[in-house]
Amino acid sequence: MTLEQQVVSLELAKKLKELGVKQESIWYRRYRKGANPEWDLAYVGNIQAVDQKCSAFTVAELGELLPPYFCSFDAKRKYKWSCEKWSHGTINGDVPTQYADTEADARARMVIYLVENKLITL
């Protein structure tokens, strides 16, 4: 499994930052203008002197952001992230299942859904 498969995509990393999710991760998506402007992936120790950055949360870090009772599985290489009969804590009712090509993105989509619908605060 590559590092790119273990961290959230650039699009979802930007969305999580936009929603105000605290930017603390061991990996970051960074943008440097310079001669070859591009977004790349950098370890936390290598993010100085960048024009923009956002956390590239790992699968484990996203798991820490999600409430308990959430589960995922690989359904023919398409990851599914759903809520198992949640009736504890602050979430009551149905939470739509989220799908993505990687587990990190499936988890990120679930975090985004929960934050946007004010079911959790981060």
PDB file of N, CA and C in Angstrom:
ATOM      1  N   MET A   1       0.851  -1.180   0.000  1.00  0.00           N
ATOM      2  CA  MET A   1       0.000   0.000   0.000  1.00  0.00           C
ATOM      3  C   MET A   1       0.892   1.237   0.000  1.00  0.00           C
ATOM      4  N   THR A   2       0.602   2.164  -0.877  1.00  0.00           N
ATOM      5  CA  THR A   2       1.404   3.381  -0.971  1.00  0.00           C
ATOM      6  C   THR A   2       0.972   4.404   0.083  1.00  0.00           C
ATOM      7  N   LEU A   3       1.833   5.369   0.320  1.00  0.00           N
ATOM      8  CA  LEU A   3       1.502   6.448   1.260  1.00  0.00           C
ATOM      9  C   LEU A   3       0.270   7.211   0.788  1.00  0.00           C
ATOM     10  N   GLU A   4       0.166   7.454  -0.508  1.00  0.00           N
ATOM     11  CA  GLU A   4      -0.998   8.159  -1.066  1.00  0.00           C
ATOM     12  C   GLU A   4      -2.312   7.455  -0.734  1.00  0.00           C
ATOM     13  N   GLN A   5      -2.286   6.142  -0.585  1.00  0.00           N
ATOM     14  CA  GLN A   5      -3.497   5.381  -0.246  1.00  0.00           C
ATOM     15  C   GLN A   5      -3.806   5.433   1.243  1.00  0.00           C
ATOM     16  N   GLN A   6      -2.842   5.849   2.047  1.00  0.00           N
ATOM     17  CA  GLN A   6      -3.009   5.861   3.498  1.00  0.00           C
ATOM     18  C   GLN A   6      -3.358   7.232   4.064  1.00  0.00           C
ATOM     19  N   VAL A   7      -3.313   8.259   3.214  1.00  0.00           N
ATOM     20  CA  VAL A   7      -3.659   9.616   3.658  1.00  0.00           C
ATOM     21  C   VAL A   7      -4.796  10.156   2.804  1.00  0.00           C
ATOM     22  N   VAL A   8      -5.480  11.143   3.333  1.00  0.00           N
ATOM     23  CA  VAL A   8      -6.624  11.738   2.653  1.00  0.00           C
ATOM     24  C   VAL A   8      -6.174  12.470   1.383  1.00  0.00           C
ATOM     25  N   SER A   9      -7.024  12.465   0.384  1.00  0.00           N
ATOM     26  CA  SER A   9      -6.736  13.140  -0.886  1.00  0.00           C
ATOM     27  C   SER A   9      -6.653  14.654  -0.691  1.00  0.00           C
ATOM     28  N   LEU A  10      -6.041  15.327  -1.649  1.00  0.00           N
ATOM     29  CA  LEU A  10      -5.906  16.786  -1.589  1.00  0.00           C
ATOM     30  C   LEU A  10      -7.271  17.458  -1.491  1.00  0.00           C
ATOM     31  N   GLU A  11      -8.210  17.040  -2.309  1.00  0.00           N
ATOM     32  CA  GLU A  11      -9.554  17.644  -2.317  1.00  0.00           C
ATOM     33  C   GLU A  11     -10.204  17.557  -0.934  1.00  0.00           C
ATOM     34  N   LEU A  12     -10.150  16.378  -0.314  1.00  0.00           N
ATOM     35  CA  LEU A  12     -10.790  16.204   0.991  1.00  0.00           C
ATOM     36  C   LEU A  12      -9.976  16.862   2.099  1.00  0.00           C
ATOM     37  N   ALA A  13      -8.654  16.912   1.960  1.00  0.00           N
ATOM     38  CA  ALA A  13      -7.820  17.617   2.941  1.00  0.00           C
ATOM     39  C   ALA A  13      -8.184  19.093   2.978  1.00  0.00           C
ATOM     40  N   LYS A  14      -8.377  19.684   1.795  1.00  0.00           N
ATOM     41  CA  LYS A  14      -8.779  21.091   1.723  1.00  0.00           C
ATOM     42  C   LYS A  14     -10.156  21.303   2.356  1.00  0.00           C
ATOM     43  N   LYS A  15     -11.077  20.390   2.110  1.00  0.00           N
ATOM     44  CA  LYS A  15     -12.433  20.508   2.657  1.00  0.00           C
ATOM     45  C   LYS A  15     -12.408  20.424   4.183  1.00  0.00           C
ATOM     46  N   LEU A  16     -11.635  19.491   4.731  1.00  0.00           N
ATOM     47  CA  LEU A  16     -11.528  19.362   6.190  1.00  0.00           C
ATOM     48  C   LEU A  16     -10.966  20.639   6.808  1.00  0.00           C
ATOM     49  N   LYS A  17      -9.972  21.226   6.157  1.00  0.00           N
ATOM     50  CA  LYS A  17      -9.407  22.485   6.657  1.00  0.00           C
ATOM     51  C   LYS A  17     -10.457  23.589   6.599  1.00  0.00           C
ATOM     52  N   GLU A  18     -11.176  23.666   5.480  1.00  0.00           N
ATOM     53  CA  GLU A  18     -12.228  24.675   5.295  1.00  0.00           C
ATOM     54  C   GLU A  18     -13.293  24.568   6.383  1.00  0.00           C
ATOM     55  N   LEU A  19     -13.587  23.351   6.826  1.00  0.00           N
ATOM     56  CA  LEU A  19     -14.600  23.135   7.865  1.00  0.00           C
ATOM     57  C   LEU A  19     -14.069  23.416   9.270  1.00  0.00           C
ATOM     58  N   GLY A  20     -12.790  23.756   9.361  1.00  0.00           N
ATOM     59  CA  GLY A  20     -12.227  24.118  10.655  1.00  0.00           C
ATOM     60  C   GLY A  20     -11.674  22.963  11.457  1.00  0.00           C
ATOM     61  N   VAL A  21     -11.457  21.809  10.814  1.00  0.00           N
ATOM     62  CA  VAL A  21     -10.856  20.682  11.527  1.00  0.00           C
ATOM     63  C   VAL A  21      -9.410  21.062  11.867  1.00  0.00           C
ATOM     64  N   LYS A  22      -9.042  20.876  13.127  1.00  0.00           N
ATOM     65  CA  LYS A  22      -7.722  21.253  13.607  1.00  0.00           C
ATOM     66  C   LYS A  22      -6.638  20.616  12.734  1.00  0.00           C
ATOM     67  N   GLN A  23      -5.699  21.410  12.301  1.00  0.00           N
ATOM     68  CA  GLN A  23      -4.670  20.964  11.360  1.00  0.00           C
ATOM     69  C   GLN A  23      -3.457  20.397  12.100  1.00  0.00           C
ATOM     70  N   GLU A  24      -3.626  19.182  12.587  1.00  0.00           N
ATOM     71  CA  GLU A  24      -2.550  18.473  13.277  1.00  0.00           C
ATOM     72  C   GLU A  24      -2.451  17.076  12.703  1.00  0.00           C
ATOM     73  N   SER A  25      -1.382  16.838  11.970  1.00  0.00           N
ATOM     74  CA  SER A  25      -1.173  15.552  11.332  1.00  0.00           C
ATOM     75  C   SER A  25       0.324  15.322  11.177  1.00  0.00           C
ATOM     76  N   ILE A  26       0.712  14.080  10.911  1.00  0.00           N
ATOM     77  CA  ILE A  26       2.130  13.840  10.642  1.00  0.00           C
ATOM     78  C   ILE A  26       2.462  14.058   9.171  1.00  0.00           C
ATOM     79  N   TRP A  27       1.434  14.111   8.315  1.00  0.00           N
ATOM     80  CA  TRP A  27       1.606  14.376   6.885  1.00  0.00           C
ATOM     81  C   TRP A  27       0.787  15.589   6.486  1.00  0.00           C
ATOM     82  N   TYR A  28       1.288  16.349   5.545  1.00  0.00           N
ATOM     83  CA  TYR A  28       0.614  17.548   5.050  1.00  0.00           C
ATOM     84  C   TYR A  28       0.638  17.572   3.528  1.00  0.00           C
ATOM     85  N   ARG A  29      -0.396  18.158   2.959  1.00  0.00           N
ATOM     86  CA  ARG A  29      -0.404  18.519   1.546  1.00  0.00           C
ATOM     87  C   ARG A  29       0.119  19.951   1.533  1.00  0.00           C
ATOM     88  N   ARG A  30       1.152  20.192   0.750  1.00  0.00           N
ATOM     89  CA  ARG A  30       1.731  21.538   0.728  1.00  0.00           C
ATOM     90  C   ARG A  30       1.819  22.034  -0.709  1.00  0.00           C
ATOM     91  N   TYR A  31       1.754  23.354  -0.838  1.00  0.00           N
ATOM     92  CA  TYR A  31       1.842  23.992  -2.145  1.00  0.00           C
ATOM     93  C   TYR A  31       2.968  25.004  -2.100  1.00  0.00           C
ATOM     94  N   ARG A  32       3.863  24.880  -3.044  1.00  0.00           N
ATOM     95  CA  ARG A  32       4.962  25.837  -3.165  1.00  0.00           C
ATOM     96  C   ARG A  32       4.919  26.431  -4.565  1.00  0.00           C
ATOM     97  N   LYS A  33       4.956  27.746  -4.640  1.00  0.00           N
ATOM     98  CA  LYS A  33       4.857  28.411  -5.942  1.00  0.00           C
ATOM     99  C   LYS A  33       6.115  28.161  -6.761  1.00  0.00           C
ATOM    100  N   GLY A  34       7.216  28.723  -6.431  1.00  0.00           N
ATOM    101  CA  GLY A  34       8.502  28.488  -7.061  1.00  0.00           C
ATOM    102  C   GLY A  34       8.497  28.249  -8.567  1.00  0.00           C
ATOM    103  N   ALA A  35       9.561  27.605  -9.050  1.00  0.00           N
ATOM    104  CA  ALA A  35       9.731  27.322 -10.476  1.00  0.00           C
ATOM    105  C   ALA A  35       8.755  26.261 -10.971  1.00  0.00           C
ATOM    106  N   ASN A  36       8.469  25.283 -10.147  1.00  0.00           N
ATOM    107  CA  ASN A  36       7.535  24.204 -10.501  1.00  0.00           C
ATOM    108  C   ASN A  36       6.394  24.161  -9.492  1.00  0.00           C
ATOM    109  N   PRO A  37       5.437  25.070  -9.614  1.00  0.00           N
ATOM    110  CA  PRO A  37       4.361  25.119  -8.615  1.00  0.00           C
ATOM    111  C   PRO A  37       3.520  23.842  -8.627  1.00  0.00           C
ATOM    112  N   GLU A  38       3.327  23.274  -7.440  1.00  0.00           N
ATOM    113  CA  GLU A  38       2.518  22.066  -7.336  1.00  0.00           C
ATOM    114  C   GLU A  38       2.206  21.752  -5.875  1.00  0.00           C
ATOM    115  N   TRP A  39       1.178  20.945  -5.695  1.00  0.00           N
ATOM    116  CA  TRP A  39       0.867  20.400  -4.383  1.00  0.00           C
ATOM    117  C   TRP A  39       1.634  19.086  -4.271  1.00  0.00           C
ATOM    118  N   ASP A  40       2.231  18.839  -3.111  1.00  0.00           N
ATOM    119  CA  ASP A  40       2.859  17.546  -2.878  1.00  0.00           C
ATOM    120  C   ASP A  40       2.588  17.114  -1.446  1.00  0.00           C
ATOM    121  N   LEU A  41       3.108  15.971  -1.091  1.00  0.00           N
ATOM    122  CA  LEU A  41       2.907  15.403   0.230  1.00  0.00           C
ATOM    123  C   LEU A  41       4.202  15.530   1.005  1.00  0.00           C
ATOM    124  N   ALA A  42       4.140  16.038   2.232  1.00  0.00           N
ATOM    125  CA  ALA A  42       5.350  16.252   3.020  1.00  0.00           C
ATOM    126  C   ALA A  42       5.140  15.823   4.467  1.00  0.00           C
ATOM    127  N   TYR A  43       6.202  15.317   5.058  1.00  0.00           N
ATOM    128  CA  TYR A  43       6.212  14.973   6.473  1.00  0.00           C
ATOM    129  C   TYR A  43       6.189  16.259   7.283  1.00  0.00           C
ATOM    130  N   VAL A  44       5.636  16.222   8.470  1.00  0.00           N
ATOM    131  CA  VAL A  44       5.455  17.416   9.298  1.00  0.00           C
ATOM    132  C   VAL A  44       6.753  18.215   9.470  1.00  0.00           C
ATOM    133  N   GLY A  45       7.900  17.568   9.516  1.00  0.00           N
ATOM    134  CA  GLY A  45       9.178  18.261   9.684  1.00  0.00           C
ATOM    135  C   GLY A  45       9.633  19.017   8.446  1.00  0.00           C
ATOM    136  N   ASN A  46       8.950  18.816   7.309  1.00  0.00           N
ATOM    137  CA  ASN A  46       9.360  19.437   6.049  1.00  0.00           C
ATOM    138  C   ASN A  46       8.311  20.389   5.485  1.00  0.00           C
ATOM    139  N   ILE A  47       7.629  21.123   6.343  1.00  0.00           N
ATOM    140  CA  ILE A  47       6.571  22.001   5.838  1.00  0.00           C
ATOM    141  C   ILE A  47       6.884  23.485   6.015  1.00  0.00           C
ATOM    142  N   GLN A  48       8.139  23.812   6.300  1.00  0.00           N
ATOM    143  CA  GLN A  48       8.508  25.217   6.409  1.00  0.00           C
ATOM    144  C   GLN A  48       8.537  25.839   5.015  1.00  0.00           C
ATOM    145  N   ALA A  49       8.383  27.130   4.965  1.00  0.00           N
ATOM    146  CA  ALA A  49       8.491  27.914   3.727  1.00  0.00           C
ATOM    147  C   ALA A  49       7.575  27.400   2.618  1.00  0.00           C
ATOM    148  N   VAL A  50       6.319  27.186   2.957  1.00  0.00           N
ATOM    149  CA  VAL A  50       5.340  26.797   1.946  1.00  0.00           C
ATOM    150  C   VAL A  50       4.294  27.889   1.831  1.00  0.00           C
ATOM    151  N   ASP A  51       3.684  27.989   0.668  1.00  0.00           N
ATOM    152  CA  ASP A  51       2.675  29.015   0.443  1.00  0.00           C
ATOM    153  C   ASP A  51       1.319  28.626   1.017  1.00  0.00           C
ATOM    154  N   GLN A  52       0.985  27.338   0.955  1.00  0.00           N
ATOM    155  CA  GLN A  52      -0.267  26.825   1.523  1.00  0.00           C
ATOM    156  C   GLN A  52      -0.012  25.422   2.047  1.00  0.00           C
ATOM    157  N   LYS A  53      -0.801  25.037   3.040  1.00  0.00           N
ATOM    158  CA  LYS A  53      -0.705  23.663   3.538  1.00  0.00           C
ATOM    159  C   LYS A  53      -2.027  23.261   4.164  1.00  0.00           C
ATOM    160  N   CYS A  54      -2.276  21.971   4.177  1.00  0.00           N
ATOM    161  CA  CYS A  54      -3.419  21.413   4.892  1.00  0.00           C
ATOM    162  C   CYS A  54      -3.056  19.996   5.327  1.00  0.00           C
ATOM    163  N   SER A  55      -3.602  19.582   6.441  1.00  0.00           N
ATOM    164  CA  SER A  55      -3.300  18.256   6.970  1.00  0.00           C
ATOM    165  C   SER A  55      -3.743  17.168   6.014  1.00  0.00           C
ATOM    166  N   ALA A  56      -2.857  16.215   5.791  1.00  0.00           N
ATOM    167  CA  ALA A  56      -3.174  15.017   5.007  1.00  0.00           C
ATOM    168  C   ALA A  56      -3.352  13.895   6.027  1.00  0.00           C
ATOM    169  N   PHE A  57      -4.514  13.891   6.691  1.00  0.00           N
ATOM    170  CA  PHE A  57      -4.756  12.955   7.775  1.00  0.00           C
ATOM    171  C   PHE A  57      -4.581  11.505   7.323  1.00  0.00           C
ATOM    172  N   THR A  58      -3.991  10.704   8.205  1.00  0.00           N
ATOM    173  CA  THR A  58      -3.847   9.275   7.938  1.00  0.00           C
ATOM    174  C   THR A  58      -5.137   8.554   8.322  1.00  0.00           C
ATOM    175  N   VAL A  59      -5.243   7.300   7.917  1.00  0.00           N
ATOM    176  CA  VAL A  59      -6.398   6.478   8.284  1.00  0.00           C
ATOM    177  C   VAL A  59      -6.553   6.475   9.809  1.00  0.00           C
ATOM    178  N   ALA A  60      -5.458   6.288  10.527  1.00  0.00           N
ATOM    179  CA  ALA A  60      -5.519   6.244  11.991  1.00  0.00           C
ATOM    180  C   ALA A  60      -5.947   7.586  12.583  1.00  0.00           C
ATOM    181  N   GLU A  61      -5.411   8.687  12.060  1.00  0.00           N
ATOM    182  CA  GLU A  61      -5.782  10.008  12.581  1.00  0.00           C
ATOM    183  C   GLU A  61      -7.260  10.300  12.346  1.00  0.00           C
ATOM    184  N   LEU A  62      -7.778   9.904  11.196  1.00  0.00           N
ATOM    185  CA  LEU A  62      -9.207  10.091  10.922  1.00  0.00           C
ATOM    186  C   LEU A  62     -10.052   9.229  11.853  1.00  0.00           C
ATOM    187  N   GLY A  63      -9.560   8.049  12.178  1.00  0.00           N
ATOM    188  CA  GLY A  63     -10.265   7.186  13.128  1.00  0.00           C
ATOM    189  C   GLY A  63     -10.402   7.836  14.495  1.00  0.00           C
ATOM    190  N   GLU A  64      -9.404   8.621  14.873  1.00  0.00           N
ATOM    191  CA  GLU A  64      -9.454   9.345  16.145  1.00  0.00           C
ATOM    192  C   GLU A  64     -10.488  10.466  16.117  1.00  0.00           C
ATOM    193  N   LEU A  65     -10.784  10.994  14.945  1.00  0.00           N
ATOM    194  CA  LEU A  65     -11.766  12.080  14.828  1.00  0.00           C
ATOM    195  C   LEU A  65     -13.204  11.569  14.848  1.00  0.00           C
ATOM    196  N   LEU A  66     -13.387  10.310  14.459  1.00  0.00           N
ATOM    197  CA  LEU A  66     -14.731   9.740  14.377  1.00  0.00           C
ATOM    198  C   LEU A  66     -15.199   9.212  15.727  1.00  0.00           C
ATOM    199  N   PRO A  67     -16.493   9.327  16.005  1.00  0.00           N
ATOM    200  CA  PRO A  67     -17.042   8.739  17.229  1.00  0.00           C
ATOM    201  C   PRO A  67     -16.955   7.214  17.171  1.00  0.00           C
ATOM    202  N   PRO A  68     -17.114   6.545  18.305  1.00  0.00           N
ATOM    203  CA  PRO A  68     -17.118   5.078  18.290  1.00  0.00           C
ATOM    204  C   PRO A  68     -18.329   4.533  17.527  1.00  0.00           C
ATOM    205  N   TYR A  69     -18.321   3.261  17.270  1.00  0.00           N
ATOM    206  CA  TYR A  69     -19.402   2.545  16.588  1.00  0.00           C
ATOM    207  C   TYR A  69     -19.417   2.755  15.080  1.00  0.00           C
ATOM    208  N   PHE A  70     -18.371   3.324  14.530  1.00  0.00           N
ATOM    209  CA  PHE A  70     -18.275   3.427  13.082  1.00  0.00           C
ATOM    210  C   PHE A  70     -17.387   2.305  12.576  1.00  0.00           C
ATOM    211  N   CYS A  71     -17.672   1.800  11.393  1.00  0.00           N
ATOM    212  CA  CYS A  71     -16.884   0.701  10.857  1.00  0.00           C
ATOM    213  C   CYS A  71     -16.694   0.877   9.360  1.00  0.00           C
ATOM    214  N   SER A  72     -15.708   0.171   8.833  1.00  0.00           N
ATOM    215  CA  SER A  72     -15.465   0.236   7.398  1.00  0.00           C
ATOM    216  C   SER A  72     -15.105  -1.149   6.887  1.00  0.00           C
ATOM    217  N   PHE A  73     -15.234  -1.316   5.594  1.00  0.00           N
ATOM    218  CA  PHE A  73     -14.745  -2.531   4.961  1.00  0.00           C
ATOM    219  C   PHE A  73     -14.520  -2.276   3.484  1.00  0.00           C
ATOM    220  N   ASP A  74     -13.740  -3.149   2.895  1.00  0.00           N
ATOM    221  CA  ASP A  74     -13.392  -3.044   1.484  1.00  0.00           C
ATOM    222  C   ASP A  74     -14.400  -3.866   0.698  1.00  0.00           C
ATOM    223  N   ALA A  75     -15.295  -3.193  -0.001  1.00  0.00           N
ATOM    224  CA  ALA A  75     -16.300  -3.867  -0.815  1.00  0.00           C
ATOM    225  C   ALA A  75     -15.836  -3.836  -2.272  1.00  0.00           C
ATOM    226  N   LYS A  76     -15.077  -4.835  -2.659  1.00  0.00           N
ATOM    227  CA  LYS A  76     -14.538  -4.916  -4.022  1.00  0.00           C
ATOM    228  C   LYS A  76     -13.724  -3.681  -4.384  1.00  0.00           C
ATOM    229  N   ARG A  77     -12.772  -3.335  -3.518  1.00  0.00           N
ATOM    230  CA  ARG A  77     -11.847  -2.227  -3.716  1.00  0.00           C
ATOM    231  C   ARG A  77     -12.509  -0.860  -3.645  1.00  0.00           C
ATOM    232  N   LYS A  78     -13.727  -0.795  -3.176  1.00  0.00           N
ATOM    233  CA  LYS A  78     -14.402   0.486  -2.947  1.00  0.00           C
ATOM    234  C   LYS A  78     -14.711   0.507  -1.458  1.00  0.00           C
ATOM    235  N   TYR A  79     -14.090   1.399  -0.722  1.00  0.00           N
ATOM    236  CA  TYR A  79     -14.245   1.401   0.725  1.00  0.00           C
ATOM    237  C   TYR A  79     -15.575   1.998   1.153  1.00  0.00           C
ATOM    238  N   LYS A  80     -16.157   1.391   2.154  1.00  0.00           N
ATOM    239  CA  LYS A  80     -17.442   1.814   2.698  1.00  0.00           C
ATOM    240  C   LYS A  80     -17.211   2.203   4.152  1.00  0.00           C
ATOM    241  N   TRP A  81     -17.778   3.300   4.559  1.00  0.00           N
ATOM    242  CA  TRP A  81     -17.675   3.737   5.952  1.00  0.00           C
ATOM    243  C   TRP A  81     -19.074   4.037   6.425  1.00  0.00           C
ATOM    244  N   SER A  82     -19.505   3.336   7.472  1.00  0.00           N
ATOM    245  CA  SER A  82     -20.877   3.505   7.925  1.00  0.00           C
ATOM    246  C   SER A  82     -20.970   3.476   9.441  1.00  0.00           C
ATOM    247  N   CYS A  83     -22.154   3.750   9.911  1.00  0.00           N
ATOM    248  CA  CYS A  83     -22.440   3.808  11.338  1.00  0.00           C
ATOM    249  C   CYS A  83     -23.226   2.572  11.727  1.00  0.00           C
ATOM    250  N   GLU A  84     -22.778   1.878  12.766  1.00  0.00           N
ATOM    251  CA  GLU A  84     -23.481   0.701  13.256  1.00  0.00           C
ATOM    252  C   GLU A  84     -24.535   1.113  14.275  1.00  0.00           C
ATOM    253  N   LYS A  85     -25.791   1.119  13.889  1.00  0.00           N
ATOM    254  CA  LYS A  85     -26.916   1.396  14.795  1.00  0.00           C
ATOM    255  C   LYS A  85     -26.542   2.377  15.902  1.00  0.00           C
ATOM    256  N   TRP A  86     -26.242   3.580  15.524  1.00  0.00           N
ATOM    257  CA  TRP A  86     -25.797   4.576  16.488  1.00  0.00           C
ATOM    258  C   TRP A  86     -26.977   5.117  17.272  1.00  0.00           C
ATOM    259  N   SER A  87     -26.954   4.910  18.570  1.00  0.00           N
ATOM    260  CA  SER A  87     -27.991   5.489  19.417  1.00  0.00           C
ATOM    261  C   SER A  87     -27.383   5.960  20.732  1.00  0.00           C
ATOM    262  N   HIS A  88     -26.084   5.998  20.764  1.00  0.00           N
ATOM    263  CA  HIS A  88     -25.374   6.435  21.965  1.00  0.00           C
ATOM    264  C   HIS A  88     -24.806   7.825  21.736  1.00  0.00           C
ATOM    265  N   GLY A  89     -24.436   8.502  22.778  1.00  0.00           N
ATOM    266  CA  GLY A  89     -23.744   9.781  22.645  1.00  0.00           C
ATOM    267  C   GLY A  89     -24.588  10.850  21.997  1.00  0.00           C
ATOM    268  N   THR A  90     -23.987  11.596  21.079  1.00  0.00           N
ATOM    269  CA  THR A  90     -24.645  12.776  20.526  1.00  0.00           C
ATOM    270  C   THR A  90     -25.337  12.534  19.195  1.00  0.00           C
ATOM    271  N   ILE A  91     -25.166  11.366  18.578  1.00  0.00           N
ATOM    272  CA  ILE A  91     -25.760  11.123  17.264  1.00  0.00           C
ATOM    273  C   ILE A  91     -26.926  10.156  17.405  1.00  0.00           C
ATOM    274  N   ASN A  92     -28.086  10.568  16.941  1.00  0.00           N
ATOM    275  CA  ASN A  92     -29.260   9.705  16.938  1.00  0.00           C
ATOM    276  C   ASN A  92     -29.826   9.703  15.526  1.00  0.00           C
ATOM    277  N   GLY A  93     -30.242   8.556  15.076  1.00  0.00           N
ATOM    278  CA  GLY A  93     -30.819   8.486  13.740  1.00  0.00           C
ATOM    279  C   GLY A  93     -29.861   7.901  12.728  1.00  0.00           C
ATOM    280  N   ASP A  94     -30.252   7.994  11.476  1.00  0.00           N
ATOM    281  CA  ASP A  94     -29.476   7.398  10.399  1.00  0.00           C
ATOM    282  C   ASP A  94     -28.370   8.323   9.925  1.00  0.00           C
ATOM    283  N   VAL A  95     -27.223   7.737   9.670  1.00  0.00           N
ATOM    284  CA  VAL A  95     -26.099   8.450   9.084  1.00  0.00           C
ATOM    285  C   VAL A  95     -25.793   7.747   7.773  1.00  0.00           C
ATOM    286  N   PRO A  96     -25.835   8.457   6.646  1.00  0.00           N
ATOM    287  CA  PRO A  96     -25.600   7.814   5.358  1.00  0.00           C
ATOM    288  C   PRO A  96     -24.218   7.176   5.264  1.00  0.00           C
ATOM    289  N   THR A  97     -24.140   6.073   4.571  1.00  0.00           N
ATOM    290  CA  THR A  97     -22.877   5.405   4.330  1.00  0.00           C
ATOM    291  C   THR A  97     -22.062   6.236   3.345  1.00  0.00           C
ATOM    292  N   GLN A  98     -20.768   6.292   3.554  1.00  0.00           N
ATOM    293  CA  GLN A  98     -19.862   7.035   2.676  1.00  0.00           C
ATOM    294  C   GLN A  98     -18.945   6.044   1.954  1.00  0.00           C
ATOM    295  N   TYR A  99     -18.705   6.271   0.676  1.00  0.00           N
ATOM    296  CA  TYR A  99     -17.858   5.399  -0.128  1.00  0.00           C
ATOM    297  C   TYR A  99     -16.698   6.192  -0.713  1.00  0.00           C
ATOM    298  N   ALA A 100     -15.570   5.516  -0.943  1.00  0.00           N
ATOM    299  CA  ALA A 100     -14.421   6.136  -1.606  1.00  0.00           C
ATOM    300  C   ALA A 100     -13.486   5.036  -2.088  1.00  0.00           C
ATOM    301  N   ASP A 101     -12.511   5.433  -2.893  1.00  0.00           N
ATOM    302  CA  ASP A 101     -11.541   4.474  -3.415  1.00  0.00           C
ATOM    303  C   ASP A 101     -10.500   4.059  -2.387  1.00  0.00           C
ATOM    304  N   THR A 102     -10.311   4.859  -1.338  1.00  0.00           N
ATOM    305  CA  THR A 102      -9.374   4.497  -0.269  1.00  0.00           C
ATOM    306  C   THR A 102     -10.090   4.595   1.068  1.00  0.00           C
ATOM    307  N   GLU A 103      -9.586   3.887   2.055  1.00  0.00           N
ATOM    308  CA  GLU A 103     -10.201   3.950   3.380  1.00  0.00           C
ATOM    309  C   GLU A 103     -10.042   5.352   3.975  1.00  0.00           C
ATOM    310  N   ALA A 104      -8.908   5.994   3.737  1.00  0.00           N
ATOM    311  CA  ALA A 104      -8.705   7.353   4.257  1.00  0.00           C
ATOM    312  C   ALA A 104      -9.770   8.301   3.721  1.00  0.00           C
ATOM    313  N   ASP A 105     -10.046   8.228   2.426  1.00  0.00           N
ATOM    314  CA  ASP A 105     -11.055   9.120   1.843  1.00  0.00           C
ATOM    315  C   ASP A 105     -12.459   8.777   2.325  1.00  0.00           C
ATOM    316  N   ALA A 106     -12.759   7.488   2.526  1.00  0.00           N
ATOM    317  CA  ALA A 106     -14.074   7.108   3.049  1.00  0.00           C
ATOM    318  C   ALA A 106     -14.255   7.662   4.460  1.00  0.00           C
ATOM    319  N   ARG A 107     -13.218   7.546   5.282  1.00  0.00           N
ATOM    320  CA  ARG A 107     -13.292   8.098   6.636  1.00  0.00           C
ATOM    321  C   ARG A 107     -13.420   9.622   6.589  1.00  0.00           C
ATOM    322  N   ALA A 108     -12.662  10.267   5.713  1.00  0.00           N
ATOM    323  CA  ALA A 108     -12.724  11.725   5.600  1.00  0.00           C
ATOM    324  C   ALA A 108     -14.120  12.173   5.183  1.00  0.00           C
ATOM    325  N   ARG A 109     -14.726  11.467   4.246  1.00  0.00           N
ATOM    326  CA  ARG A 109     -16.088  11.817   3.815  1.00  0.00           C
ATOM    327  C   ARG A 109     -17.075  11.704   4.978  1.00  0.00           C
ATOM    328  N   MET A 110     -16.884  10.710   5.842  1.00  0.00           N
ATOM    329  CA  MET A 110     -17.766  10.562   6.999  1.00  0.00           C
ATOM    330  C   MET A 110     -17.551  11.708   7.983  1.00  0.00           C
ATOM    331  N   VAL A 111     -16.297  12.069   8.241  1.00  0.00           N
ATOM    332  CA  VAL A 111     -16.016  13.202   9.130  1.00  0.00           C
ATOM    333  C   VAL A 111     -16.655  14.469   8.568  1.00  0.00           C
ATOM    334  N   ILE A 112     -16.498  14.698   7.269  1.00  0.00           N
ATOM    335  CA  ILE A 112     -17.082  15.880   6.631  1.00  0.00           C
ATOM    336  C   ILE A 112     -18.597  15.890   6.796  1.00  0.00           C
ATOM    337  N   TYR A 113     -19.235  14.749   6.544  1.00  0.00           N
ATOM    338  CA  TYR A 113     -20.694  14.668   6.695  1.00  0.00           C
ATOM    339  C   TYR A 113     -21.106  15.020   8.130  1.00  0.00           C
ATOM    340  N   LEU A 114     -20.432  14.432   9.107  1.00  0.00           N
ATOM    341  CA  LEU A 114     -20.791  14.649  10.507  1.00  0.00           C
ATOM    342  C   LEU A 114     -20.588  16.103  10.925  1.00  0.00           C
ATOM    343  N   VAL A 115     -19.503  16.734  10.464  1.00  0.00           N
ATOM    344  CA  VAL A 115     -19.244  18.136  10.812  1.00  0.00           C
ATOM    345  C   VAL A 115     -20.252  19.049  10.107  1.00  0.00           C
ATOM    346  N   GLU A 116     -20.456  18.832   8.810  1.00  0.00           N
ATOM    347  CA  GLU A 116     -21.390  19.687   8.057  1.00  0.00           C
ATOM    348  C   GLU A 116     -22.811  19.624   8.609  1.00  0.00           C
ATOM    349  N   ASN A 117     -23.198  18.476   9.124  1.00  0.00           N
ATOM    350  CA  ASN A 117     -24.546  18.311   9.656  1.00  0.00           C
ATOM    351  C   ASN A 117     -24.624  18.531  11.161  1.00  0.00           C
ATOM    352  N   LYS A 118     -23.536  19.089  11.692  1.00  0.00           N
ATOM    353  CA  LYS A 118     -23.467  19.453  13.102  1.00  0.00           C
ATOM    354  C   LYS A 118     -23.752  18.284  14.045  1.00  0.00           C
ATOM    355  N   LEU A 119     -23.300  17.096  13.634  1.00  0.00           N
ATOM    356  CA  LEU A 119     -23.445  15.911  14.466  1.00  0.00           C
ATOM    357  C   LEU A 119     -22.252  15.699  15.369  1.00  0.00           C
ATOM    358  N   ILE A 120     -21.107  16.303  14.978  1.00  0.00           N
ATOM    359  CA  ILE A 120     -19.931  16.349  15.834  1.00  0.00           C
ATOM    360  C   ILE A 120     -19.284  17.723  15.657  1.00  0.00           C
ATOM    361  N   THR A 121     -18.481  18.119  16.621  1.00  0.00           N
ATOM    362  CA  THR A 121     -17.684  19.333  16.502  1.00  0.00           C
ATOM    363  C   THR A 121     -16.232  18.952  16.739  1.00  0.00           C
ATOM    364  N   LEU A 122     -15.366  19.549  15.962  1.00  0.00           N
ATOM    365  CA  LEU A 122     -13.930  19.245  16.085  1.00  0.00           C
ATOM    366  C   LEU A 122     -13.148  20.527  16.249  1.00  0.00           C
TER     367      LEU A 122
END
